[in-house]
Amino acid sequence: MDLSKLKAFVVVAEELNFRKSAEILGMSQPPLTRLIASLEEELGTSLFERTTRHVKLTGAGVFLLKEGKEILNRAQGLESEIRALGKMKAGKISIAFSSTGFLANLPKIIREFQDRFPKIKIELQQETRSAIVKGLKSGRFDAGFLEGSLKEENFQFHPVQDENLGVLLPKNHPLSRRKEIEFKELKDETIILHPKKDNKDFYETISYLFVQAGIKPLTYVKKDHESCPLLVATGKGVSLTIAATQNFAPTETRFVPIKKLYLPVSVFWENENTNASLKTFLSFVVENHALSNGKPECLMDVMRL
């Protein structure tokens, strides 16, 4: 089905008059009649019921009218966006990210986007979760890469990568020799946590995960000047983290995945942001994202179990 046939059908379906529709389309009535007949033959069903006095839609015609209008509107919008992109001389996007957001494929995304759109300048800023949310609301940031979810009604998001969740252990820890572990095996460990103020949702989800598993672990809340990997390396406890952090962890530590748990990382943006360069960037992110088949259990969904 091509768009010209679909456009002709929508006009006839709205007017329910072949003569008037032909005038609107700038053609004579016989070719229009043949075009609609060709579309019906192509789809293998009647779209109109015709009598000498009336023309009305069949059930299939009603459905095609609704869907067809959406397709045509999307095609028109896409054409406008492509034309605007072709005329774009320069642009700028301000992107904020958390440490986890950075590790979840962000450098690769930025590098490939800049290769394709060298005229768009990207400003990158690492911030805390709360600072990113405030920045998106105020317009300081166009987009933010964050782990987990946000409850803000005015935000939209698109998944970027699902990071395997695991535990960072001292190298000589008995569990460090394992390829993966069950979450309940952490029952006797001291868990190193960021302060609740840094990421309330993640903190509460982790806490609930322990409650659900029937575990009451000892906890160590890191101070602002302390580093979780170094705390692990010096025997203060173990840290729940993502697989990518092992590339930056001390050699005295080892990352072991937790069975069936992952942490989703997404790009968030404010609904009313009209930055044309942002639209281009988001289209690029969507184009390059492919979710893996057979996803494991999402950590942020634990609260809903």
C-alpha atoms as a PDB file:
ATOM      1  CA  MET A   1       0.000   0.000   0.000  1.00  0.00           C
ATOM      2  CA  ASP A   2       1.592   3.289  -1.055  1.00  0.00           C
ATOM      3  CA  LEU A   3       0.932   6.651   0.558  1.00  0.00           C
ATOM      4  CA  SER A   4      -0.779   8.134  -2.526  1.00  0.00           C
ATOM      5  CA  LYS A   5      -3.452   5.436  -2.424  1.00  0.00           C
ATOM      6  CA  LEU A   6      -3.829   5.859   1.320  1.00  0.00           C
ATOM      7  CA  LYS A   7      -4.225   9.625   0.979  1.00  0.00           C
ATOM      8  CA  ALA A   8      -6.896   9.195  -1.703  1.00  0.00           C
ATOM      9  CA  PHE A   9      -8.751   6.685   0.463  1.00  0.00           C
ATOM     10  CA  VAL A  10      -8.736   9.053   3.481  1.00  0.00           C
ATOM     11  CA  VAL A  11     -10.178  11.901   1.412  1.00  0.00           C
ATOM     12  CA  VAL A  12     -12.988   9.693   0.024  1.00  0.00           C
ATOM     13  CA  ALA A  13     -13.630   8.202   3.491  1.00  0.00           C
ATOM     14  CA  GLU A  14     -14.034  11.653   5.004  1.00  0.00           C
ATOM     15  CA  GLU A  15     -16.127  13.109   2.182  1.00  0.00           C
ATOM     16  CA  LEU A  16     -18.110   9.945   1.293  1.00  0.00           C
ATOM     17  CA  ASN A  17     -18.499  11.480  -2.153  1.00  0.00           C
ATOM     18  CA  PHE A  18     -16.334  10.390  -5.091  1.00  0.00           C
ATOM     19  CA  ARG A  19     -17.023  13.463  -7.237  1.00  0.00           C
ATOM     20  CA  LYS A  20     -16.162  15.945  -4.485  1.00  0.00           C
ATOM     21  CA  SER A  21     -13.133  13.869  -3.428  1.00  0.00           C
ATOM     22  CA  ALA A  22     -11.820  13.857  -6.992  1.00  0.00           C
ATOM     23  CA  GLU A  23     -12.021  17.660  -7.051  1.00  0.00           C
ATOM     24  CA  ILE A  24     -10.121  17.917  -3.776  1.00  0.00           C
ATOM     25  CA  LEU A  25      -7.423  15.584  -5.091  1.00  0.00           C
ATOM     26  CA  GLY A  26      -7.196  17.441  -8.430  1.00  0.00           C
ATOM     27  CA  MET A  27      -8.164  14.489 -10.577  1.00  0.00           C
ATOM     28  CA  SER A  28     -11.207  13.227 -12.453  1.00  0.00           C
ATOM     29  CA  GLN A  29     -13.619  10.761 -10.911  1.00  0.00           C
ATOM     30  CA  PRO A  30     -12.933   7.622 -13.049  1.00  0.00           C
ATOM     31  CA  PRO A  31      -9.207   7.408 -12.126  1.00  0.00           C
ATOM     32  CA  LEU A  32     -10.106   7.907  -8.463  1.00  0.00           C
ATOM     33  CA  THR A  33     -12.670   5.116  -8.645  1.00  0.00           C
ATOM     34  CA  ARG A  34     -10.082   2.816 -10.235  1.00  0.00           C
ATOM     35  CA  LEU A  35      -7.490   3.777  -7.598  1.00  0.00           C
ATOM     36  CA  ILE A  36      -9.845   2.863  -4.725  1.00  0.00           C
ATOM     37  CA  ALA A  37     -10.814  -0.376  -6.477  1.00  0.00           C
ATOM     38  CA  SER A  38      -7.104  -1.182  -6.837  1.00  0.00           C
ATOM     39  CA  LEU A  39      -6.567  -0.551  -3.112  1.00  0.00           C
ATOM     40  CA  GLU A  40      -9.489  -2.814  -2.211  1.00  0.00           C
ATOM     41  CA  GLU A  41      -8.125  -5.545  -4.466  1.00  0.00           C
ATOM     42  CA  GLU A  42      -4.686  -5.154  -2.924  1.00  0.00           C
ATOM     43  CA  LEU A  43      -6.112  -5.496   0.602  1.00  0.00           C
ATOM     44  CA  GLY A  44      -8.540  -8.246  -0.349  1.00  0.00           C
ATOM     45  CA  THR A  45     -11.571  -6.533   1.175  1.00  0.00           C
ATOM     46  CA  SER A  46     -14.195  -3.877   0.428  1.00  0.00           C
ATOM     47  CA  LEU A  47     -13.637  -0.504   2.055  1.00  0.00           C
ATOM     48  CA  PHE A  48     -16.860   1.151   0.894  1.00  0.00           C
ATOM     49  CA  GLU A  49     -20.476   0.141   0.421  1.00  0.00           C
ATOM     50  CA  ARG A  50     -21.829   1.963  -2.641  1.00  0.00           C
ATOM     51  CA  THR A  51     -25.380   2.548  -3.807  1.00  0.00           C
ATOM     52  CA  THR A  52     -26.745   4.981  -6.393  1.00  0.00           C
ATOM     53  CA  ARG A  53     -27.451   7.444  -3.602  1.00  0.00           C
ATOM     54  CA  HIS A  54     -24.993   6.795  -0.795  1.00  0.00           C
ATOM     55  CA  VAL A  55     -21.396   5.829  -0.055  1.00  0.00           C
ATOM     56  CA  LYS A  56     -20.502   4.509   3.400  1.00  0.00           C
ATOM     57  CA  LEU A  57     -17.552   2.805   5.005  1.00  0.00           C
ATOM     58  CA  THR A  58     -17.373  -0.891   5.776  1.00  0.00           C
ATOM     59  CA  GLY A  59     -15.922  -2.068   9.093  1.00  0.00           C
ATOM     60  CA  ALA A  60     -12.529  -2.491   7.440  1.00  0.00           C
ATOM     61  CA  GLY A  61     -12.867   1.004   5.978  1.00  0.00           C
ATOM     62  CA  VAL A  62     -13.551   2.546   9.393  1.00  0.00           C
ATOM     63  CA  PHE A  63     -10.431   0.870  10.795  1.00  0.00           C
ATOM     64  CA  LEU A  64      -8.261   1.925   7.853  1.00  0.00           C
ATOM     65  CA  LEU A  65      -9.471   5.524   8.129  1.00  0.00           C
ATOM     66  CA  LYS A  66      -8.314   5.793  11.729  1.00  0.00           C
ATOM     67  CA  GLU A  67      -4.978   4.068  11.184  1.00  0.00           C
ATOM     68  CA  GLY A  68      -4.411   5.676   7.790  1.00  0.00           C
ATOM     69  CA  LYS A  69      -4.773   9.212   9.145  1.00  0.00           C
ATOM     70  CA  GLU A  70      -2.203   8.464  11.839  1.00  0.00           C
ATOM     71  CA  ILE A  71       0.213   7.048   9.240  1.00  0.00           C
ATOM     72  CA  LEU A  72      -0.187  10.080   6.975  1.00  0.00           C
ATOM     73  CA  ASN A  73       0.264  12.503   9.879  1.00  0.00           C
ATOM     74  CA  ARG A  74       3.394  10.668  10.958  1.00  0.00           C
ATOM     75  CA  ALA A  75       4.741  10.638   7.410  1.00  0.00           C
ATOM     76  CA  GLN A  76       4.131  14.365   7.085  1.00  0.00           C
ATOM     77  CA  GLY A  77       5.818  15.042  10.420  1.00  0.00           C
ATOM     78  CA  LEU A  78       8.753  12.841   9.463  1.00  0.00           C
ATOM     79  CA  GLU A  79       9.182  14.705   6.183  1.00  0.00           C
ATOM     80  CA  SER A  80       9.220  18.036   8.029  1.00  0.00           C
ATOM     81  CA  GLU A  81      11.781  16.772  10.515  1.00  0.00           C
ATOM     82  CA  ILE A  82      14.048  15.427   7.763  1.00  0.00           C
ATOM     83  CA  ARG A  83      13.869  18.713   5.861  1.00  0.00           C
ATOM     84  CA  ALA A  84      14.697  20.632   9.035  1.00  0.00           C
ATOM     85  CA  LEU A  85      17.591  18.295   9.757  1.00  0.00           C
ATOM     86  CA  GLY A  86      18.963  18.822   6.259  1.00  0.00           C
ATOM     87  CA  LYS A  87      18.892  22.595   6.775  1.00  0.00           C
ATOM     88  CA  MET A  88      20.455  22.455  10.240  1.00  0.00           C
ATOM     89  CA  LYS A  89      23.682  24.439  10.204  1.00  0.00           C
ATOM     90  CA  ALA A  90      24.560  23.979  13.862  1.00  0.00           C
ATOM     91  CA  GLY A  91      23.045  23.056  17.178  1.00  0.00           C
ATOM     92  CA  LYS A  92      23.776  22.373  20.822  1.00  0.00           C
ATOM     93  CA  ILE A  93      22.657  19.776  23.361  1.00  0.00           C
ATOM     94  CA  SER A  94      23.390  19.814  27.075  1.00  0.00           C
ATOM     95  CA  ILE A  95      23.526  16.276  28.499  1.00  0.00           C
ATOM     96  CA  ALA A  96      23.873  15.332  32.159  1.00  0.00           C
ATOM     97  CA  PHE A  97      24.682  11.860  33.403  1.00  0.00           C
ATOM     98  CA  SER A  98      25.132   9.869  36.591  1.00  0.00           C
ATOM     99  CA  SER A  99      28.200   7.675  37.010  1.00  0.00           C
ATOM    100  CA  THR A 100      26.100   4.600  36.168  1.00  0.00           C
ATOM    101  CA  GLY A 101      24.551   6.406  33.211  1.00  0.00           C
ATOM    102  CA  PHE A 102      28.024   7.164  31.883  1.00  0.00           C
ATOM    103  CA  LEU A 103      29.114   3.538  32.110  1.00  0.00           C
ATOM    104  CA  ALA A 104      25.999   2.320  30.290  1.00  0.00           C
ATOM    105  CA  ASN A 105      27.266   2.852  26.756  1.00  0.00           C
ATOM    106  CA  LEU A 106      27.158   6.685  26.881  1.00  0.00           C
ATOM    107  CA  PRO A 107      30.683   7.285  25.501  1.00  0.00           C
ATOM    108  CA  LYS A 108      29.913   5.072  22.487  1.00  0.00           C
ATOM    109  CA  ILE A 109      26.574   6.817  21.888  1.00  0.00           C
ATOM    110  CA  ILE A 110      28.156  10.264  22.031  1.00  0.00           C
ATOM    111  CA  ARG A 111      31.086   9.282  19.793  1.00  0.00           C
ATOM    112  CA  GLU A 112      28.875   7.766  17.091  1.00  0.00           C
ATOM    113  CA  PHE A 113      26.409  10.662  17.237  1.00  0.00           C
ATOM    114  CA  GLN A 114      29.213  13.201  16.811  1.00  0.00           C
ATOM    115  CA  ASP A 115      30.572  11.251  13.848  1.00  0.00           C
ATOM    116  CA  ARG A 116      27.183  11.455  12.152  1.00  0.00           C
ATOM    117  CA  PHE A 117      26.259  14.996  13.251  1.00  0.00           C
ATOM    118  CA  PRO A 118      29.518  16.946  13.621  1.00  0.00           C
ATOM    119  CA  LYS A 119      27.716  20.316  13.513  1.00  0.00           C
ATOM    120  CA  ILE A 120      25.847  19.637  16.746  1.00  0.00           C
ATOM    121  CA  LYS A 121      27.850  20.579  19.824  1.00  0.00           C
ATOM    122  CA  ILE A 122      27.398  18.409  22.918  1.00  0.00           C
ATOM    123  CA  GLU A 123      28.032  19.664  26.439  1.00  0.00           C
ATOM    124  CA  LEU A 124      28.476  16.853  28.986  1.00  0.00           C
ATOM    125  CA  GLN A 125      28.140  17.214  32.745  1.00  0.00           C
ATOM    126  CA  GLN A 126      28.319  14.553  35.463  1.00  0.00           C
ATOM    127  CA  GLU A 127      25.851  15.317  38.256  1.00  0.00           C
ATOM    128  CA  THR A 128      23.960  13.724  41.109  1.00  0.00           C
ATOM    129  CA  ARG A 129      20.525  12.297  40.402  1.00  0.00           C
ATOM    130  CA  SER A 130      18.696  15.174  42.113  1.00  0.00           C
ATOM    131  CA  ALA A 131      20.765  17.779  40.247  1.00  0.00           C
ATOM    132  CA  ILE A 132      19.942  16.117  36.912  1.00  0.00           C
ATOM    133  CA  VAL A 133      16.212  16.153  37.673  1.00  0.00           C
ATOM    134  CA  LYS A 134      16.342  19.834  38.660  1.00  0.00           C
ATOM    135  CA  GLY A 135      18.402  20.642  35.574  1.00  0.00           C
ATOM    136  CA  LEU A 136      15.933  18.935  33.240  1.00  0.00           C
ATOM    137  CA  LYS A 137      13.036  20.834  34.826  1.00  0.00           C
ATOM    138  CA  SER A 138      14.790  24.201  34.586  1.00  0.00           C
ATOM    139  CA  GLY A 139      16.031  23.659  31.035  1.00  0.00           C
ATOM    140  CA  ARG A 140      19.678  23.672  32.056  1.00  0.00           C
ATOM    141  CA  PHE A 141      19.963  20.144  30.659  1.00  0.00           C
ATOM    142  CA  ASP A 142      18.265  18.851  27.521  1.00  0.00           C
ATOM    143  CA  ALA A 143      18.696  15.173  28.402  1.00  0.00           C
ATOM    144  CA  GLY A 144      19.822  13.074  31.339  1.00  0.00           C
ATOM    145  CA  PHE A 145      21.199   9.534  31.456  1.00  0.00           C
ATOM    146  CA  LEU A 146      20.102   7.846  34.679  1.00  0.00           C
ATOM    147  CA  GLU A 147      19.659   4.392  36.134  1.00  0.00           C
ATOM    148  CA  GLY A 148      16.231   3.226  37.269  1.00  0.00           C
ATOM    149  CA  SER A 149      13.047   5.234  36.844  1.00  0.00           C
ATOM    150  CA  LEU A 150      11.716   8.726  37.544  1.00  0.00           C
ATOM    151  CA  LYS A 151       8.232   9.555  38.805  1.00  0.00           C
ATOM    152  CA  GLU A 152       8.146  13.004  37.203  1.00  0.00           C
ATOM    153  CA  GLU A 153       4.964  13.363  35.091  1.00  0.00           C
ATOM    154  CA  ASN A 154       6.508  15.840  32.648  1.00  0.00           C
ATOM    155  CA  PHE A 155       9.406  13.566  31.711  1.00  0.00           C
ATOM    156  CA  GLN A 156       9.666  11.080  28.884  1.00  0.00           C
ATOM    157  CA  PHE A 157      12.306   8.383  28.624  1.00  0.00           C
ATOM    158  CA  HIS A 158      13.763   5.726  26.374  1.00  0.00           C
ATOM    159  CA  PRO A 159      15.817   2.696  27.488  1.00  0.00           C
ATOM    160  CA  VAL A 160      19.516   2.811  26.643  1.00  0.00           C
ATOM    161  CA  GLN A 161      20.998  -0.304  28.168  1.00  0.00           C
ATOM    162  CA  ASP A 162      20.208  -2.938  30.757  1.00  0.00           C
ATOM    163  CA  GLU A 163      23.190  -3.288  33.060  1.00  0.00           C
ATOM    164  CA  ASN A 164      23.853  -6.601  34.819  1.00  0.00           C
ATOM    165  CA  LEU A 165      23.656  -6.089  38.567  1.00  0.00           C
ATOM    166  CA  GLY A 166      26.156  -7.810  40.799  1.00  0.00           C
ATOM    167  CA  VAL A 167      28.342  -7.421  43.825  1.00  0.00           C
ATOM    168  CA  LEU A 168      31.880  -6.067  44.100  1.00  0.00           C
ATOM    169  CA  LEU A 169      33.846  -8.267  46.504  1.00  0.00           C
ATOM    170  CA  PRO A 170      37.357  -8.345  47.934  1.00  0.00           C
ATOM    171  CA  LYS A 171      39.503 -10.588  45.744  1.00  0.00           C
ATOM    172  CA  ASN A 172      40.074 -13.080  48.551  1.00  0.00           C
ATOM    173  CA  HIS A 173      36.368 -13.360  49.438  1.00  0.00           C
ATOM    174  CA  PRO A 174      34.948 -16.928  49.167  1.00  0.00           C
ATOM    175  CA  LEU A 175      32.193 -15.771  46.786  1.00  0.00           C
ATOM    176  CA  SER A 176      34.704 -14.076  44.464  1.00  0.00           C
ATOM    177  CA  ARG A 177      35.534 -17.430  42.857  1.00  0.00           C
ATOM    178  CA  ARG A 178      31.954 -17.912  41.670  1.00  0.00           C
ATOM    179  CA  LYS A 179      30.668 -17.124  38.162  1.00  0.00           C
ATOM    180  CA  GLU A 180      27.394 -15.825  39.633  1.00  0.00           C
ATOM    181  CA  ILE A 181      25.563 -15.886  42.947  1.00  0.00           C
ATOM    182  CA  GLU A 182      22.041 -15.871  44.376  1.00  0.00           C
ATOM    183  CA  PHE A 183      20.986 -12.665  46.099  1.00  0.00           C
ATOM    184  CA  LYS A 184      20.263 -14.531  49.356  1.00  0.00           C
ATOM    185  CA  GLU A 185      23.937 -15.501  49.597  1.00  0.00           C
ATOM    186  CA  LEU A 186      24.701 -11.929  50.725  1.00  0.00           C
ATOM    187  CA  LYS A 187      22.868 -12.480  54.043  1.00  0.00           C
ATOM    188  CA  ASP A 188      26.031 -12.432  56.142  1.00  0.00           C
ATOM    189  CA  GLU A 189      27.744  -9.546  54.341  1.00  0.00           C
ATOM    190  CA  THR A 190      28.135  -5.876  55.263  1.00  0.00           C
ATOM    191  CA  ILE A 191      26.568  -3.935  52.397  1.00  0.00           C
ATOM    192  CA  ILE A 192      28.144  -0.601  51.467  1.00  0.00           C
ATOM    193  CA  LEU A 193      25.462   1.917  50.468  1.00  0.00           C
ATOM    194  CA  HIS A 194      25.389   5.486  49.214  1.00  0.00           C
ATOM    195  CA  PRO A 195      23.447   7.874  51.475  1.00  0.00           C
ATOM    196  CA  LYS A 196      19.698   7.740  50.951  1.00  0.00           C
ATOM    197  CA  LYS A 197      19.696  11.383  49.821  1.00  0.00           C
ATOM    198  CA  ASP A 198      21.859  10.508  46.792  1.00  0.00           C
ATOM    199  CA  ASN A 199      19.250   8.209  45.229  1.00  0.00           C
ATOM    200  CA  LYS A 200      16.195   7.597  47.386  1.00  0.00           C
ATOM    201  CA  ASP A 201      14.389   5.263  44.950  1.00  0.00           C
ATOM    202  CA  PHE A 202      17.418   3.009  44.452  1.00  0.00           C
ATOM    203  CA  TYR A 203      18.176   2.971  48.189  1.00  0.00           C
ATOM    204  CA  GLU A 204      14.610   1.958  49.040  1.00  0.00           C
ATOM    205  CA  THR A 205      14.511  -0.676  46.288  1.00  0.00           C
ATOM    206  CA  ILE A 206      17.706  -2.273  47.548  1.00  0.00           C
ATOM    207  CA  SER A 207      16.331  -2.229  51.099  1.00  0.00           C
ATOM    208  CA  TYR A 208      13.087  -3.839  49.977  1.00  0.00           C
ATOM    209  CA  LEU A 209      15.018  -6.457  48.029  1.00  0.00           C
ATOM    210  CA  PHE A 210      16.714  -7.544  51.262  1.00  0.00           C
ATOM    211  CA  VAL A 211      13.381  -7.589  53.116  1.00  0.00           C
ATOM    212  CA  GLN A 212      11.829  -9.718  50.384  1.00  0.00           C
ATOM    213  CA  ALA A 213      14.720 -12.167  50.611  1.00  0.00           C
ATOM    214  CA  GLY A 214      14.334 -12.357  54.395  1.00  0.00           C
ATOM    215  CA  ILE A 215      17.774 -10.817  54.958  1.00  0.00           C
ATOM    216  CA  LYS A 216      18.744  -8.223  57.559  1.00  0.00           C
ATOM    217  CA  PRO A 217      22.261  -7.252  56.468  1.00  0.00           C
ATOM    218  CA  LEU A 218      24.717  -5.040  58.227  1.00  0.00           C
ATOM    219  CA  THR A 219      25.158  -1.806  56.292  1.00  0.00           C
ATOM    220  CA  TYR A 220      27.885   0.765  55.940  1.00  0.00           C
ATOM    221  CA  VAL A 221      26.837   4.144  54.532  1.00  0.00           C
ATOM    222  CA  LYS A 222      29.737   5.709  52.697  1.00  0.00           C
ATOM    223  CA  LYS A 223      30.806   9.253  53.470  1.00  0.00           C
ATOM    224  CA  ASP A 224      31.126  11.942  50.799  1.00  0.00           C
ATOM    225  CA  HIS A 225      34.928  11.635  50.615  1.00  0.00           C
ATOM    226  CA  GLU A 226      34.899   7.816  50.432  1.00  0.00           C
ATOM    227  CA  SER A 227      34.895   5.540  47.370  1.00  0.00           C
ATOM    228  CA  CYS A 228      32.874   2.307  47.309  1.00  0.00           C
ATOM    229  CA  PRO A 229      35.503   0.281  45.369  1.00  0.00           C
ATOM    230  CA  LEU A 230      38.234   1.357  47.792  1.00  0.00           C
ATOM    231  CA  LEU A 231      36.026   0.535  50.762  1.00  0.00           C
ATOM    232  CA  VAL A 232      35.518  -2.951  49.292  1.00  0.00           C
ATOM    233  CA  ALA A 233      39.228  -3.365  48.626  1.00  0.00           C
ATOM    234  CA  THR A 234      40.055  -2.463  52.231  1.00  0.00           C
ATOM    235  CA  GLY A 235      37.538  -4.919  53.688  1.00  0.00           C
ATOM    236  CA  LYS A 236      34.791  -2.533  54.848  1.00  0.00           C
ATOM    237  CA  GLY A 237      32.103  -4.601  53.092  1.00  0.00           C
ATOM    238  CA  VAL A 238      30.726  -5.449  49.653  1.00  0.00           C
ATOM    239  CA  SER A 239      29.022  -3.149  47.165  1.00  0.00           C
ATOM    240  CA  LEU A 240      26.046  -3.717  44.876  1.00  0.00           C
ATOM    241  CA  THR A 241      26.952  -2.300  41.498  1.00  0.00           C
ATOM    242  CA  ILE A 242      26.847  -2.877  37.728  1.00  0.00           C
ATOM    243  CA  ALA A 243      29.171  -4.977  35.605  1.00  0.00           C
ATOM    244  CA  ALA A 244      30.783  -2.000  33.853  1.00  0.00           C
ATOM    245  CA  THR A 245      32.293  -0.674  37.093  1.00  0.00           C
ATOM    246  CA  GLN A 246      34.710  -3.603  37.286  1.00  0.00           C
ATOM    247  CA  ASN A 247      36.783  -1.909  34.574  1.00  0.00           C
ATOM    248  CA  PHE A 248      37.562   0.896  37.026  1.00  0.00           C
ATOM    249  CA  ALA A 249      37.717  -1.063  40.278  1.00  0.00           C
ATOM    250  CA  PRO A 250      40.966  -1.817  42.143  1.00  0.00           C
ATOM    251  CA  THR A 251      42.735  -5.058  41.243  1.00  0.00           C
ATOM    252  CA  GLU A 252      42.113  -6.230  44.814  1.00  0.00           C
ATOM    253  CA  THR A 253      38.375  -6.579  44.021  1.00  0.00           C
ATOM    254  CA  ARG A 254      36.250  -8.815  41.814  1.00  0.00           C
ATOM    255  CA  PHE A 255      32.741  -8.349  40.363  1.00  0.00           C
ATOM    256  CA  VAL A 256      30.341 -11.316  40.515  1.00  0.00           C
ATOM    257  CA  PRO A 257      26.909 -11.093  38.799  1.00  0.00           C
ATOM    258  CA  ILE A 258      23.715 -11.742  40.749  1.00  0.00           C
ATOM    259  CA  LYS A 259      21.390 -14.202  39.028  1.00  0.00           C
ATOM    260  CA  LYS A 260      18.391 -12.720  37.192  1.00  0.00           C
ATOM    261  CA  LEU A 261      18.923  -9.085  38.174  1.00  0.00           C
ATOM    262  CA  TYR A 262      19.711  -6.101  36.002  1.00  0.00           C
ATOM    263  CA  LEU A 263      19.508  -2.326  36.348  1.00  0.00           C
ATOM    264  CA  PRO A 264      17.885  -0.401  33.486  1.00  0.00           C
ATOM    265  CA  VAL A 265      19.564   2.818  32.317  1.00  0.00           C
ATOM    266  CA  SER A 266      17.534   5.299  30.258  1.00  0.00           C
ATOM    267  CA  VAL A 267      17.741   8.739  28.707  1.00  0.00           C
ATOM    268  CA  PHE A 268      15.188  11.190  30.167  1.00  0.00           C
ATOM    269  CA  TRP A 269      13.959  14.505  28.803  1.00  0.00           C
ATOM    270  CA  GLU A 270      11.315  17.117  29.554  1.00  0.00           C
ATOM    271  CA  ASN A 271       8.108  16.929  27.499  1.00  0.00           C
ATOM    272  CA  GLU A 272       8.090  20.586  26.505  1.00  0.00           C
ATOM    273  CA  ASN A 273      11.721  20.798  25.378  1.00  0.00           C
ATOM    274  CA  THR A 274      11.643  22.110  21.783  1.00  0.00           C
ATOM    275  CA  ASN A 275      15.368  21.914  21.016  1.00  0.00           C
ATOM    276  CA  ALA A 276      15.570  20.555  17.437  1.00  0.00           C
ATOM    277  CA  SER A 277      19.012  19.113  18.120  1.00  0.00           C
ATOM    278  CA  LEU A 278      17.568  17.154  21.044  1.00  0.00           C
ATOM    279  CA  LYS A 279      14.977  15.581  18.746  1.00  0.00           C
ATOM    280  CA  THR A 280      17.765  14.512  16.415  1.00  0.00           C
ATOM    281  CA  PHE A 281      19.763  13.062  19.306  1.00  0.00           C
ATOM    282  CA  LEU A 282      16.783  11.140  20.705  1.00  0.00           C
ATOM    283  CA  SER A 283      15.983   9.705  17.283  1.00  0.00           C
ATOM    284  CA  PHE A 284      19.574   8.524  17.078  1.00  0.00           C
ATOM    285  CA  VAL A 285      19.384   6.883  20.532  1.00  0.00           C
ATOM    286  CA  VAL A 286      16.136   5.100  19.640  1.00  0.00           C
ATOM    287  CA  GLU A 287      17.583   3.939  16.325  1.00  0.00           C
ATOM    288  CA  ASN A 288      20.668   2.482  17.978  1.00  0.00           C
ATOM    289  CA  HIS A 289      18.964   0.792  20.896  1.00  0.00           C
ATOM    290  CA  ALA A 290      18.004  -2.866  20.744  1.00  0.00           C
ATOM    291  CA  LEU A 291      16.785  -4.679  23.837  1.00  0.00           C
ATOM    292  CA  SER A 292      18.182  -8.142  24.358  1.00  0.00           C
ATOM    293  CA  ASN A 293      15.835 -11.105  24.078  1.00  0.00           C
ATOM    294  CA  GLY A 294      14.818 -12.874  27.261  1.00  0.00           C
ATOM    295  CA  LYS A 295      15.532 -10.108  29.732  1.00  0.00           C
ATOM    296  CA  PRO A 296      16.306 -11.060  33.315  1.00  0.00           C
ATOM    297  CA  GLU A 297      14.392  -9.644  36.244  1.00  0.00           C
ATOM    298  CA  CYS A 298      14.607  -5.867  36.505  1.00  0.00           C
ATOM    299  CA  LEU A 299      15.770  -4.556  39.872  1.00  0.00           C
ATOM    300  CA  MET A 300      13.457  -1.541  39.642  1.00  0.00           C
ATOM    301  CA  ASP A 301      10.455  -3.864  39.163  1.00  0.00           C
ATOM    302  CA  VAL A 302      11.093  -5.641  42.466  1.00  0.00           C
ATOM    303  CA  MET A 303       8.821  -3.184  44.279  1.00  0.00           C
ATOM    304  CA  ARG A 304       5.915  -4.434  42.148  1.00  0.00           C
ATOM    305  CA  LEU A 305       6.410  -8.138  42.832  1.00  0.00           C
END
